[in-house]
C-alpha cells in the first residue's frame, strides 16, 4: 500500500467521469483484502468517505469505518474493548483491523429511533432503554472519556436476529450501544474535577450557542436531548410526563 493509500479518511469513491460519488464505496475498500476474506460486500456510504454499510439484503450485515488517526478514536476503542465484559460498558462489539490503515468492522444494528418504535411497547421498556444509556455514559465518564457527540445517530441497538447473524460477536439481545468516538476525548480528570474545554463540532446544537463547556456535563445535556427525542417517537409521552411530574 502506497503512502497515499495509507492515509485517511476520507476514502472517496469516484464516478466514471471523475466526479466524486459521495454515497459510493471506493475501490480500495471494495477490493480490500479483509473485505474479500470475510465476504463483506459494501453497498454504500453511511457517512461519505468514512463509514460504509454492507448490502442490506445479505446477512450478516456489517458497518466498516475508516479510522481517522488524527483523533483519539482508535485508543479509545482499544481501551473500551479491553473492558468488553464490564456489565455497564455499552460499547458496540467490533474488531479493529490493523494491517495497513486501521478499520473498525462491526455488526450493523438498528438505529435508536427505529429500535424505540419497534420495541418500546410499554413505558417500563422505554425507561429501561434510558437506564442503559445512562449507565453507558456513566461508564465512559468513569474511564475519564467524554463522548462529546451523544445523539440518536450515535446510538444503536441489537435485535435477536442480529445475534443469529453474528453468533460470536458478543452482542447482547435488545441492548443499546454507543458508537462513533471520532470527536471524543480522554481527559486527565474525572467528573467534578475536569475543567471546561472547547467543544468539537457536534450534531446537537449547544444551548445559547455556548462553545466552552464541562465535557462531562455536555454529555449529560446531550443524553437528555436523546431522551426527549425518544419520548417523542414513542407512544408514551403523556405517561412519562406523569412519571416525571
C-alpha atoms as a PDB file:
ATOM      1  CA  UNK A   1       0.000   0.000   0.000  1.00  0.00           C
ATOM      2  CA  UNK A   2       1.411   3.376  -1.015  1.00  0.00           C
ATOM      3  CA  UNK A   3       1.825   6.271   1.399  1.00  0.00           C
ATOM      4  CA  UNK A   4      -1.082   7.990  -0.362  1.00  0.00           C
ATOM      5  CA  UNK A   5      -3.321   4.956   0.121  1.00  0.00           C
ATOM      6  CA  UNK A   6      -2.336   4.624   3.785  1.00  0.00           C
ATOM      7  CA  UNK A   7      -3.874   7.973   4.681  1.00  0.00           C
ATOM      8  CA  UNK A   8      -7.450   8.661   5.558  1.00  0.00           C
ATOM      9  CA  UNK A   9     -10.241   9.312   5.906  1.00  0.00           C
ATOM     10  CA  UNK A  10     -11.996  10.347   3.756  1.00  0.00           C
ATOM     11  CA  UNK A  11     -11.794   7.488   1.290  1.00  0.00           C
ATOM     12  CA  UNK A  12     -13.774   8.896  -1.612  1.00  0.00           C
ATOM     13  CA  UNK A  13     -15.455   6.961  -4.435  1.00  0.00           C
ATOM     14  CA  UNK A  14     -15.474   8.416  -7.935  1.00  0.00           C
ATOM     15  CA  UNK A  15     -17.870   8.208 -10.846  1.00  0.00           C
ATOM     16  CA  UNK A  16     -16.619   7.140 -14.302  1.00  0.00           C
ATOM     17  CA  UNK A  17     -16.400  10.813 -15.324  1.00  0.00           C
ATOM     18  CA  UNK A  18     -14.050  11.536 -12.427  1.00  0.00           C
ATOM     19  CA  UNK A  19     -16.571  13.351 -10.240  1.00  0.00           C
ATOM     20  CA  UNK A  20     -16.905  12.375  -6.586  1.00  0.00           C
ATOM     21  CA  UNK A  21     -19.578   9.830  -5.678  1.00  0.00           C
ATOM     22  CA  UNK A  22     -20.270  10.763  -2.069  1.00  0.00           C
ATOM     23  CA  UNK A  23     -22.618   7.818  -1.483  1.00  0.00           C
ATOM     24  CA  UNK A  24     -20.359   5.263  -3.078  1.00  0.00           C
ATOM     25  CA  UNK A  25     -17.703   2.852  -1.862  1.00  0.00           C
ATOM     26  CA  UNK A  26     -14.111   3.459  -3.054  1.00  0.00           C
ATOM     27  CA  UNK A  27     -12.362   0.694  -4.989  1.00  0.00           C
ATOM     28  CA  UNK A  28      -9.676   0.423  -2.304  1.00  0.00           C
ATOM     29  CA  UNK A  29     -12.369  -0.698   0.143  1.00  0.00           C
ATOM     30  CA  UNK A  30     -14.441  -2.756  -2.316  1.00  0.00           C
ATOM     31  CA  UNK A  31     -11.318  -4.781  -3.108  1.00  0.00           C
ATOM     32  CA  UNK A  32      -9.733  -4.561   0.342  1.00  0.00           C
ATOM     33  CA  UNK A  33      -8.205  -7.959   1.245  1.00  0.00           C
ATOM     34  CA  UNK A  34     -10.072  -8.128   4.554  1.00  0.00           C
ATOM     35  CA  UNK A  35     -13.426  -7.430   2.873  1.00  0.00           C
ATOM     36  CA  UNK A  36     -12.690 -10.147   0.331  1.00  0.00           C
ATOM     37  CA  UNK A  37     -11.565 -12.597   3.022  1.00  0.00           C
ATOM     38  CA  UNK A  38     -14.739 -12.069   5.047  1.00  0.00           C
ATOM     39  CA  UNK A  39     -17.028 -11.886   2.055  1.00  0.00           C
ATOM     40  CA  UNK A  40     -18.219  -8.406   3.073  1.00  0.00           C
ATOM     41  CA  UNK A  41     -19.862  -6.681   0.107  1.00  0.00           C
ATOM     42  CA  UNK A  42     -20.150  -2.977   0.827  1.00  0.00           C
ATOM     43  CA  UNK A  43     -23.066  -1.215  -0.836  1.00  0.00           C
ATOM     44  CA  UNK A  44     -22.800   2.453   0.082  1.00  0.00           C
ATOM     45  CA  UNK A  45     -21.611   5.172   2.421  1.00  0.00           C
ATOM     46  CA  UNK A  46     -23.460   5.998   5.638  1.00  0.00           C
ATOM     47  CA  UNK A  47     -21.044   8.894   6.207  1.00  0.00           C
ATOM     48  CA  UNK A  48     -19.306   9.851   2.950  1.00  0.00           C
ATOM     49  CA  UNK A  49     -15.706   8.738   2.827  1.00  0.00           C
ATOM     50  CA  UNK A  50     -15.731   7.409   6.389  1.00  0.00           C
ATOM     51  CA  UNK A  51     -18.473   4.880   7.247  1.00  0.00           C
ATOM     52  CA  UNK A  52     -19.761   2.216   4.869  1.00  0.00           C
ATOM     53  CA  UNK A  53     -22.523  -0.381   5.097  1.00  0.00           C
ATOM     54  CA  UNK A  54     -22.764  -3.807   3.528  1.00  0.00           C
ATOM     55  CA  UNK A  55     -25.592  -4.885   1.220  1.00  0.00           C
ATOM     56  CA  UNK A  56     -28.832  -4.673   3.290  1.00  0.00           C
ATOM     57  CA  UNK A  57     -30.360  -7.806   1.753  1.00  0.00           C
ATOM     58  CA  UNK A  58     -27.469 -10.066   2.744  1.00  0.00           C
ATOM     59  CA  UNK A  59     -26.627 -11.425   6.188  1.00  0.00           C
ATOM     60  CA  UNK A  60     -24.555 -10.933   8.182  1.00  0.00           C
ATOM     61  CA  UNK A  61     -24.600  -7.166   7.697  1.00  0.00           C
ATOM     62  CA  UNK A  62     -21.579  -5.079   8.643  1.00  0.00           C
ATOM     63  CA  UNK A  63     -20.517  -1.483   9.066  1.00  0.00           C
ATOM     64  CA  UNK A  64     -16.906  -0.567   8.236  1.00  0.00           C
ATOM     65  CA  UNK A  65     -15.391   2.690   9.474  1.00  0.00           C
ATOM     66  CA  UNK A  66     -12.102   4.184   8.293  1.00  0.00           C
ATOM     67  CA  UNK A  67     -10.344   5.404  11.442  1.00  0.00           C
ATOM     68  CA  UNK A  68      -9.017   8.946  11.499  1.00  0.00           C
ATOM     69  CA  UNK A  69      -5.631   8.667  13.183  1.00  0.00           C
ATOM     70  CA  UNK A  70      -5.673  12.383  13.962  1.00  0.00           C
ATOM     71  CA  UNK A  71      -8.384  11.686  16.556  1.00  0.00           C
ATOM     72  CA  UNK A  72      -8.428   9.638  19.764  1.00  0.00           C
ATOM     73  CA  UNK A  73     -10.953   7.139  18.404  1.00  0.00           C
ATOM     74  CA  UNK A  74      -8.539   4.237  17.983  1.00  0.00           C
ATOM     75  CA  UNK A  75      -7.002   4.352  21.501  1.00  0.00           C
ATOM     76  CA  UNK A  76     -10.466   4.899  22.996  1.00  0.00           C
ATOM     77  CA  UNK A  77     -11.847   1.809  21.264  1.00  0.00           C
ATOM     78  CA  UNK A  78      -8.772  -0.148  22.319  1.00  0.00           C
ATOM     79  CA  UNK A  79      -9.431   0.778  25.948  1.00  0.00           C
ATOM     80  CA  UNK A  80     -13.162   0.156  25.855  1.00  0.00           C
ATOM     81  CA  UNK A  81     -12.928  -3.167  24.024  1.00  0.00           C
ATOM     82  CA  UNK A  82     -10.500  -4.441  26.667  1.00  0.00           C
ATOM     83  CA  UNK A  83     -13.373  -3.895  29.137  1.00  0.00           C
ATOM     84  CA  UNK A  84     -15.985  -5.523  26.888  1.00  0.00           C
ATOM     85  CA  UNK A  85     -17.204  -7.834  29.686  1.00  0.00           C
ATOM     86  CA  UNK A  86     -17.969  -4.956  32.052  1.00  0.00           C
ATOM     87  CA  UNK A  87     -21.753  -5.022  32.520  1.00  0.00           C
ATOM     88  CA  UNK A  88     -22.109  -1.240  32.228  1.00  0.00           C
ATOM     89  CA  UNK A  89     -19.961  -0.967  29.112  1.00  0.00           C
ATOM     90  CA  UNK A  90     -22.235  -0.174  26.159  1.00  0.00           C
ATOM     91  CA  UNK A  91     -19.522  -0.011  23.515  1.00  0.00           C
ATOM     92  CA  UNK A  92     -20.581  -1.874  20.386  1.00  0.00           C
ATOM     93  CA  UNK A  93     -18.617  -5.112  19.911  1.00  0.00           C
ATOM     94  CA  UNK A  94     -16.296  -4.546  16.972  1.00  0.00           C
ATOM     95  CA  UNK A  95     -12.968  -5.637  15.571  1.00  0.00           C
ATOM     96  CA  UNK A  96     -10.002  -3.424  14.800  1.00  0.00           C
ATOM     97  CA  UNK A  97      -8.292  -4.357  11.546  1.00  0.00           C
ATOM     98  CA  UNK A  98      -4.710  -3.148  11.854  1.00  0.00           C
ATOM     99  CA  UNK A  99      -2.887  -4.120   8.666  1.00  0.00           C
ATOM    100  CA  UNK A 100      -2.359  -1.028   6.582  1.00  0.00           C
ATOM    101  CA  UNK A 101      -4.751   1.719   7.613  1.00  0.00           C
ATOM    102  CA  UNK A 102      -6.866   0.777  10.687  1.00  0.00           C
ATOM    103  CA  UNK A 103     -10.518  -0.086  10.100  1.00  0.00           C
ATOM    104  CA  UNK A 104     -13.343  -0.733  12.541  1.00  0.00           C
ATOM    105  CA  UNK A 105     -15.528  -3.667  11.499  1.00  0.00           C
ATOM    106  CA  UNK A 106     -18.779  -4.027  13.420  1.00  0.00           C
ATOM    107  CA  UNK A 107     -22.265  -5.540  13.097  1.00  0.00           C
ATOM    108  CA  UNK A 108     -24.920  -3.359  11.515  1.00  0.00           C
ATOM    109  CA  UNK A 109     -27.519  -2.706  14.223  1.00  0.00           C
ATOM    110  CA  UNK A 110     -30.790  -0.818  14.426  1.00  0.00           C
ATOM    111  CA  UNK A 111     -30.746   2.992  14.859  1.00  0.00           C
ATOM    112  CA  UNK A 112     -32.129   4.158  18.215  1.00  0.00           C
ATOM    113  CA  UNK A 113     -35.345   5.724  16.891  1.00  0.00           C
ATOM    114  CA  UNK A 114     -36.217   2.578  14.920  1.00  0.00           C
ATOM    115  CA  UNK A 115     -35.494   0.449  17.976  1.00  0.00           C
ATOM    116  CA  UNK A 116     -37.792   2.576  20.136  1.00  0.00           C
ATOM    117  CA  UNK A 117     -40.591   2.292  17.590  1.00  0.00           C
ATOM    118  CA  UNK A 118     -40.219  -1.485  17.278  1.00  0.00           C
ATOM    119  CA  UNK A 119     -39.504  -2.492  20.856  1.00  0.00           C
ATOM    120  CA  UNK A 120     -40.995   0.079  23.237  1.00  0.00           C
ATOM    121  CA  UNK A 121     -44.390  -1.460  23.827  1.00  0.00           C
ATOM    122  CA  UNK A 122     -44.532  -0.213  27.399  1.00  0.00           C
ATOM    123  CA  UNK A 123     -43.369   2.747  29.426  1.00  0.00           C
ATOM    124  CA  UNK A 124     -41.263   0.358  31.509  1.00  0.00           C
ATOM    125  CA  UNK A 125     -39.341  -0.713  28.399  1.00  0.00           C
ATOM    126  CA  UNK A 126     -38.667   2.895  27.418  1.00  0.00           C
ATOM    127  CA  UNK A 127     -37.312   3.618  30.892  1.00  0.00           C
ATOM    128  CA  UNK A 128     -35.092   0.529  30.642  1.00  0.00           C
ATOM    129  CA  UNK A 129     -33.556   1.972  27.480  1.00  0.00           C
ATOM    130  CA  UNK A 130     -32.971   5.263  29.271  1.00  0.00           C
ATOM    131  CA  UNK A 131     -31.270   3.423  32.125  1.00  0.00           C
ATOM    132  CA  UNK A 132     -28.981   1.547  29.724  1.00  0.00           C
ATOM    133  CA  UNK A 133     -27.925   4.751  28.020  1.00  0.00           C
ATOM    134  CA  UNK A 134     -27.264   6.444  31.349  1.00  0.00           C
ATOM    135  CA  UNK A 135     -25.088   3.591  32.593  1.00  0.00           C
ATOM    136  CA  UNK A 136     -23.218   3.543  29.266  1.00  0.00           C
ATOM    137  CA  UNK A 137     -22.386   7.235  29.561  1.00  0.00           C
ATOM    138  CA  UNK A 138     -21.530   6.809  33.240  1.00  0.00           C
ATOM    139  CA  UNK A 139     -19.100   4.005  32.335  1.00  0.00           C
ATOM    140  CA  UNK A 140     -17.354   6.262  29.833  1.00  0.00           C
ATOM    141  CA  UNK A 141     -17.049   9.015  32.407  1.00  0.00           C
ATOM    142  CA  UNK A 142     -15.613   6.591  34.960  1.00  0.00           C
ATOM    143  CA  UNK A 143     -12.871   5.908  32.411  1.00  0.00           C
ATOM    144  CA  UNK A 144     -12.340   9.693  32.044  1.00  0.00           C
ATOM    145  CA  UNK A 145     -13.721   9.535  28.490  1.00  0.00           C
ATOM    146  CA  UNK A 146     -16.131  12.202  27.286  1.00  0.00           C
ATOM    147  CA  UNK A 147     -18.023  11.161  24.165  1.00  0.00           C
ATOM    148  CA  UNK A 148     -18.890  14.765  23.196  1.00  0.00           C
ATOM    149  CA  UNK A 149     -21.354  13.794  20.441  1.00  0.00           C
ATOM    150  CA  UNK A 150     -24.111  11.811  22.155  1.00  0.00           C
ATOM    151  CA  UNK A 151     -27.084  11.897  19.772  1.00  0.00           C
ATOM    152  CA  UNK A 152     -29.608   9.474  18.220  1.00  0.00           C
ATOM    153  CA  UNK A 153     -27.317   8.876  15.218  1.00  0.00           C
ATOM    154  CA  UNK A 154     -24.594   7.617  17.556  1.00  0.00           C
ATOM    155  CA  UNK A 155     -26.747   5.101  19.412  1.00  0.00           C
ATOM    156  CA  UNK A 156     -27.778   1.717  18.012  1.00  0.00           C
ATOM    157  CA  UNK A 157     -29.465  -1.364  19.435  1.00  0.00           C
ATOM    158  CA  UNK A 158     -29.415  -5.090  18.810  1.00  0.00           C
ATOM    159  CA  UNK A 159     -32.307  -7.369  17.898  1.00  0.00           C
ATOM    160  CA  UNK A 160     -32.318 -11.117  18.371  1.00  0.00           C
ATOM    161  CA  UNK A 161     -31.849 -11.614  14.634  1.00  0.00           C
ATOM    162  CA  UNK A 162     -28.578  -9.675  14.878  1.00  0.00           C
ATOM    163  CA  UNK A 163     -27.282 -12.303  17.296  1.00  0.00           C
ATOM    164  CA  UNK A 164     -28.118 -15.147  14.930  1.00  0.00           C
ATOM    165  CA  UNK A 165     -26.315 -13.293  12.113  1.00  0.00           C
ATOM    166  CA  UNK A 166     -23.301 -12.557  14.367  1.00  0.00           C
ATOM    167  CA  UNK A 167     -23.257 -15.505  16.785  1.00  0.00           C
ATOM    168  CA  UNK A 168     -19.716 -14.968  18.098  1.00  0.00           C
ATOM    169  CA  UNK A 169     -19.714 -11.192  18.249  1.00  0.00           C
ATOM    170  CA  UNK A 170     -20.550 -10.756  21.927  1.00  0.00           C
ATOM    171  CA  UNK A 171     -23.784  -8.899  21.168  1.00  0.00           C
ATOM    172  CA  UNK A 172     -26.482  -8.937  23.843  1.00  0.00           C
ATOM    173  CA  UNK A 173     -30.089  -9.090  22.591  1.00  0.00           C
ATOM    174  CA  UNK A 174     -32.112  -5.868  22.715  1.00  0.00           C
ATOM    175  CA  UNK A 175     -29.276  -3.836  24.195  1.00  0.00           C
ATOM    176  CA  UNK A 176     -28.298  -0.280  23.339  1.00  0.00           C
ATOM    177  CA  UNK A 177     -24.770   0.571  22.196  1.00  0.00           C
ATOM    178  CA  UNK A 178     -22.874   3.848  21.873  1.00  0.00           C
ATOM    179  CA  UNK A 179     -20.814   4.344  18.712  1.00  0.00           C
ATOM    180  CA  UNK A 180     -18.607   6.941  16.970  1.00  0.00           C
ATOM    181  CA  UNK A 181     -15.782   8.236  19.174  1.00  0.00           C
ATOM    182  CA  UNK A 182     -14.060  10.312  16.497  1.00  0.00           C
ATOM    183  CA  UNK A 183     -14.614  13.575  18.406  1.00  0.00           C
ATOM    184  CA  UNK A 184     -14.289  12.018  21.869  1.00  0.00           C
ATOM    185  CA  UNK A 185     -11.588  12.902  24.374  1.00  0.00           C
ATOM    186  CA  UNK A 186      -9.593  11.066  27.023  1.00  0.00           C
ATOM    187  CA  UNK A 187      -9.339  13.523  29.871  1.00  0.00           C
ATOM    188  CA  UNK A 188      -6.883  13.844  32.768  1.00  0.00           C
ATOM    189  CA  UNK A 189      -9.596  14.355  35.395  1.00  0.00           C
ATOM    190  CA  UNK A 190     -12.980  12.863  36.126  1.00  0.00           C
ATOM    191  CA  UNK A 191     -16.426  14.436  36.542  1.00  0.00           C
ATOM    192  CA  UNK A 192     -16.494  17.243  39.064  1.00  0.00           C
ATOM    193  CA  UNK A 193     -12.765  17.918  38.673  1.00  0.00           C
ATOM    194  CA  UNK A 194     -12.252  18.358  34.948  1.00  0.00           C
ATOM    195  CA  UNK A 195     -12.113  21.942  33.670  1.00  0.00           C
ATOM    196  CA  UNK A 196     -14.177  23.110  30.721  1.00  0.00           C
ATOM    197  CA  UNK A 197     -12.983  22.535  27.158  1.00  0.00           C
ATOM    198  CA  UNK A 198     -13.816  23.944  23.755  1.00  0.00           C
ATOM    199  CA  UNK A 199     -16.470  21.689  22.249  1.00  0.00           C
ATOM    200  CA  UNK A 200     -15.735  19.942  18.940  1.00  0.00           C
ATOM    201  CA  UNK A 201     -18.333  20.096  16.144  1.00  0.00           C
ATOM    202  CA  UNK A 202     -21.442  18.307  17.398  1.00  0.00           C
ATOM    203  CA  UNK A 203     -24.687  17.073  15.879  1.00  0.00           C
ATOM    204  CA  UNK A 204     -26.768  18.633  18.656  1.00  0.00           C
ATOM    205  CA  UNK A 205     -26.514  22.419  18.988  1.00  0.00           C
ATOM    206  CA  UNK A 206     -25.202  23.711  22.344  1.00  0.00           C
ATOM    207  CA  UNK A 207     -27.608  25.861  24.385  1.00  0.00           C
ATOM    208  CA  UNK A 208     -27.236  29.613  23.928  1.00  0.00           C
ATOM    209  CA  UNK A 209     -24.511  28.989  21.317  1.00  0.00           C
ATOM    210  CA  UNK A 210     -22.018  28.059  24.037  1.00  0.00           C
ATOM    211  CA  UNK A 211     -18.726  26.643  22.807  1.00  0.00           C
ATOM    212  CA  UNK A 212     -16.854  26.232  26.115  1.00  0.00           C
ATOM    213  CA  UNK A 213     -18.317  23.519  28.315  1.00  0.00           C
ATOM    214  CA  UNK A 214     -17.621  20.972  31.046  1.00  0.00           C
ATOM    215  CA  UNK A 215     -17.210  17.910  28.758  1.00  0.00           C
ATOM    216  CA  UNK A 216     -18.988  15.525  31.108  1.00  0.00           C
ATOM    217  CA  UNK A 217     -21.867  17.941  31.642  1.00  0.00           C
ATOM    218  CA  UNK A 218     -22.152  18.326  27.872  1.00  0.00           C
ATOM    219  CA  UNK A 219     -22.603  14.548  27.531  1.00  0.00           C
ATOM    220  CA  UNK A 220     -25.378  14.625  30.122  1.00  0.00           C
ATOM    221  CA  UNK A 221     -27.086  17.551  28.392  1.00  0.00           C
ATOM    222  CA  UNK A 222     -26.955  15.645  25.093  1.00  0.00           C
ATOM    223  CA  UNK A 223     -28.260  12.498  26.777  1.00  0.00           C
ATOM    224  CA  UNK A 224     -31.266  14.494  27.972  1.00  0.00           C
ATOM    225  CA  UNK A 225     -31.866  15.619  24.385  1.00  0.00           C
ATOM    226  CA  UNK A 226     -31.736  11.980  23.262  1.00  0.00           C
ATOM    227  CA  UNK A 227     -34.313  11.083  25.918  1.00  0.00           C
ATOM    228  CA  UNK A 228     -36.590  13.869  24.734  1.00  0.00           C
ATOM    229  CA  UNK A 229     -36.346  12.663  21.142  1.00  0.00           C
ATOM    230  CA  UNK A 230     -37.044   9.058  22.135  1.00  0.00           C
ATOM    231  CA  UNK A 231     -40.114  10.162  24.092  1.00  0.00           C
ATOM    232  CA  UNK A 232     -41.426  11.969  21.023  1.00  0.00           C
ATOM    233  CA  UNK A 233     -41.145   8.899  18.765  1.00  0.00           C
ATOM    234  CA  UNK A 234     -42.647   6.579  21.386  1.00  0.00           C
ATOM    235  CA  UNK A 235     -46.300   6.296  22.338  1.00  0.00           C
ATOM    236  CA  UNK A 236     -45.690   7.145  25.988  1.00  0.00           C
ATOM    237  CA  UNK A 237     -45.108  10.896  26.059  1.00  0.00           C
ATOM    238  CA  UNK A 238     -48.112  11.629  28.268  1.00  0.00           C
ATOM    239  CA  UNK A 239     -47.464   8.662  30.551  1.00  0.00           C
ATOM    240  CA  UNK A 240     -43.823   9.594  31.021  1.00  0.00           C
ATOM    241  CA  UNK A 241     -44.806  13.163  31.832  1.00  0.00           C
ATOM    242  CA  UNK A 242     -46.950  11.791  34.656  1.00  0.00           C
ATOM    243  CA  UNK A 243     -43.986   9.769  35.980  1.00  0.00           C
ATOM    244  CA  UNK A 244     -41.658  12.776  35.904  1.00  0.00           C
ATOM    245  CA  UNK A 245     -44.037  15.367  37.313  1.00  0.00           C
END
